[in-house]
C-alpha atoms as a PDB file:
ATOM      1  CA  UNK A   1     188.443 215.227  53.272  1.00  0.00           C
ATOM      2  CA  UNK A   2     184.998 214.857  51.826  1.00  0.00           C
ATOM      3  CA  UNK A   3     184.168 213.108  48.568  1.00  0.00           C
ATOM      4  CA  UNK A   4     180.960 213.939  46.734  1.00  0.00           C
ATOM      5  CA  UNK A   5     178.748 211.008  45.850  1.00  0.00           C
ATOM      6  CA  UNK A   6     176.215 211.500  43.049  1.00  0.00           C
ATOM      7  CA  UNK A   7     173.306 209.059  42.842  1.00  0.00           C
ATOM      8  CA  UNK A   8     170.797 208.639  40.020  1.00  0.00           C
ATOM      9  CA  UNK A   9     168.071 206.147  39.257  1.00  0.00           C
ATOM     10  CA  UNK A  10     168.274 204.647  35.785  1.00  0.00           C
ATOM     11  CA  UNK A  11     165.227 204.076  33.564  1.00  0.00           C
ATOM     12  CA  UNK A  12     165.379 200.338  34.314  1.00  0.00           C
ATOM     13  CA  UNK A  13     165.134 200.963  38.077  1.00  0.00           C
ATOM     14  CA  UNK A  14     168.793 200.363  38.921  1.00  0.00           C
ATOM     15  CA  UNK A  15     170.753 202.987  40.791  1.00  0.00           C
ATOM     16  CA  UNK A  16     174.121 204.383  39.776  1.00  0.00           C
ATOM     17  CA  UNK A  17     176.492 206.050  42.231  1.00  0.00           C
ATOM     18  CA  UNK A  18     179.552 208.022  41.150  1.00  0.00           C
ATOM     19  CA  UNK A  19     182.399 209.843  42.883  1.00  0.00           C
ATOM     20  CA  UNK A  20     183.259 212.628  40.404  1.00  0.00           C
ATOM     21  CA  UNK A  21     186.556 213.470  42.164  1.00  0.00           C
ATOM     22  CA  UNK A  22     187.851 209.971  41.403  1.00  0.00           C
ATOM     23  CA  UNK A  23     187.557 209.191  37.686  1.00  0.00           C
ATOM     24  CA  UNK A  24     186.193 205.728  37.040  1.00  0.00           C
ATOM     25  CA  UNK A  25     184.523 205.330  40.426  1.00  0.00           C
ATOM     26  CA  UNK A  26     181.052 204.392  39.224  1.00  0.00           C
ATOM     27  CA  UNK A  27     178.926 201.563  40.594  1.00  0.00           C
ATOM     28  CA  UNK A  28     175.478 200.149  39.962  1.00  0.00           C
ATOM     29  CA  UNK A  29     173.124 198.565  42.467  1.00  0.00           C
ATOM     30  CA  UNK A  30     169.595 197.231  42.580  1.00  0.00           C
ATOM     31  CA  UNK A  31     168.969 199.604  45.499  1.00  0.00           C
ATOM     32  CA  UNK A  32     170.329 203.043  46.273  1.00  0.00           C
ATOM     33  CA  UNK A  33     172.074 201.674  49.361  1.00  0.00           C
ATOM     34  CA  UNK A  34     173.768 198.936  47.364  1.00  0.00           C
ATOM     35  CA  UNK A  35     175.015 201.379  44.729  1.00  0.00           C
ATOM     36  CA  UNK A  36     176.352 203.715  47.427  1.00  0.00           C
ATOM     37  CA  UNK A  37     178.121 200.897  49.281  1.00  0.00           C
ATOM     38  CA  UNK A  38     179.723 199.632  46.072  1.00  0.00           C
ATOM     39  CA  UNK A  39     180.878 203.129  45.062  1.00  0.00           C
ATOM     40  CA  UNK A  40     182.331 203.757  48.516  1.00  0.00           C
ATOM     41  CA  UNK A  41     184.203 200.449  48.463  1.00  0.00           C
ATOM     42  CA  UNK A  42     185.543 201.168  44.977  1.00  0.00           C
ATOM     43  CA  UNK A  43     186.643 204.669  46.021  1.00  0.00           C
ATOM     44  CA  UNK A  44     188.613 203.198  48.921  1.00  0.00           C
ATOM     45  CA  UNK A  45     190.244 200.663  46.593  1.00  0.00           C
ATOM     46  CA  UNK A  46     191.240 203.418  44.156  1.00  0.00           C
ATOM     47  CA  UNK A  47     192.719 205.544  46.950  1.00  0.00           C
ATOM     48  CA  UNK A  48     194.597 202.552  48.400  1.00  0.00           C
ATOM     49  CA  UNK A  49     195.990 201.719  44.956  1.00  0.00           C
ATOM     50  CA  UNK A  50     197.199 205.287  44.511  1.00  0.00           C
ATOM     51  CA  UNK A  51     198.927 205.230  47.893  1.00  0.00           C
ATOM     52  CA  UNK A  52     200.562 201.863  47.195  1.00  0.00           C
ATOM     53  CA  UNK A  53     201.905 203.097  43.861  1.00  0.00           C
ATOM     54  CA  UNK A  54     203.190 206.443  45.125  1.00  0.00           C
ATOM     55  CA  UNK A  55     200.604 208.401  43.162  1.00  0.00           C
ATOM     56  CA  UNK A  56     199.007 211.550  44.532  1.00  0.00           C
ATOM     57  CA  UNK A  57     196.040 210.805  46.767  1.00  0.00           C
ATOM     58  CA  UNK A  58     194.011 213.275  48.792  1.00  0.00           C
ATOM     59  CA  UNK A  59     194.398 213.353  52.529  1.00  0.00           C
ATOM     60  CA  UNK A  60     191.815 210.903  53.849  1.00  0.00           C
ATOM     61  CA  UNK A  61     191.623 211.610  57.548  1.00  0.00           C
ATOM     62  CA  UNK A  62     193.511 213.491  60.195  1.00  0.00           C
ATOM     63  CA  UNK A  63     195.414 210.251  60.676  1.00  0.00           C
ATOM     64  CA  UNK A  64     199.067 209.934  61.558  1.00  0.00           C
ATOM     65  CA  UNK A  65     201.034 206.706  61.181  1.00  0.00           C
ATOM     66  CA  UNK A  66     204.128 206.486  63.349  1.00  0.00           C
ATOM     67  CA  UNK A  67     206.701 203.752  63.603  1.00  0.00           C
ATOM     68  CA  UNK A  68     206.628 201.857  66.881  1.00  0.00           C
ATOM     69  CA  UNK A  69     209.734 202.346  68.981  1.00  0.00           C
END
């Protein structure tokens, strides 16, 4: 799965990064890298919250969890 990350520079010089596929995942940073890192971390938190609450979440990786025997 791929999530699109949109980055813009604000008039005051801050950067804003947004993941349009995940409503509310918007983060500011003083640098582009900081804004991206914050948006990525927030996106992971949102996806984890959805999984924990049984809400639909997109497939993240070709990852398979199996119970140990």
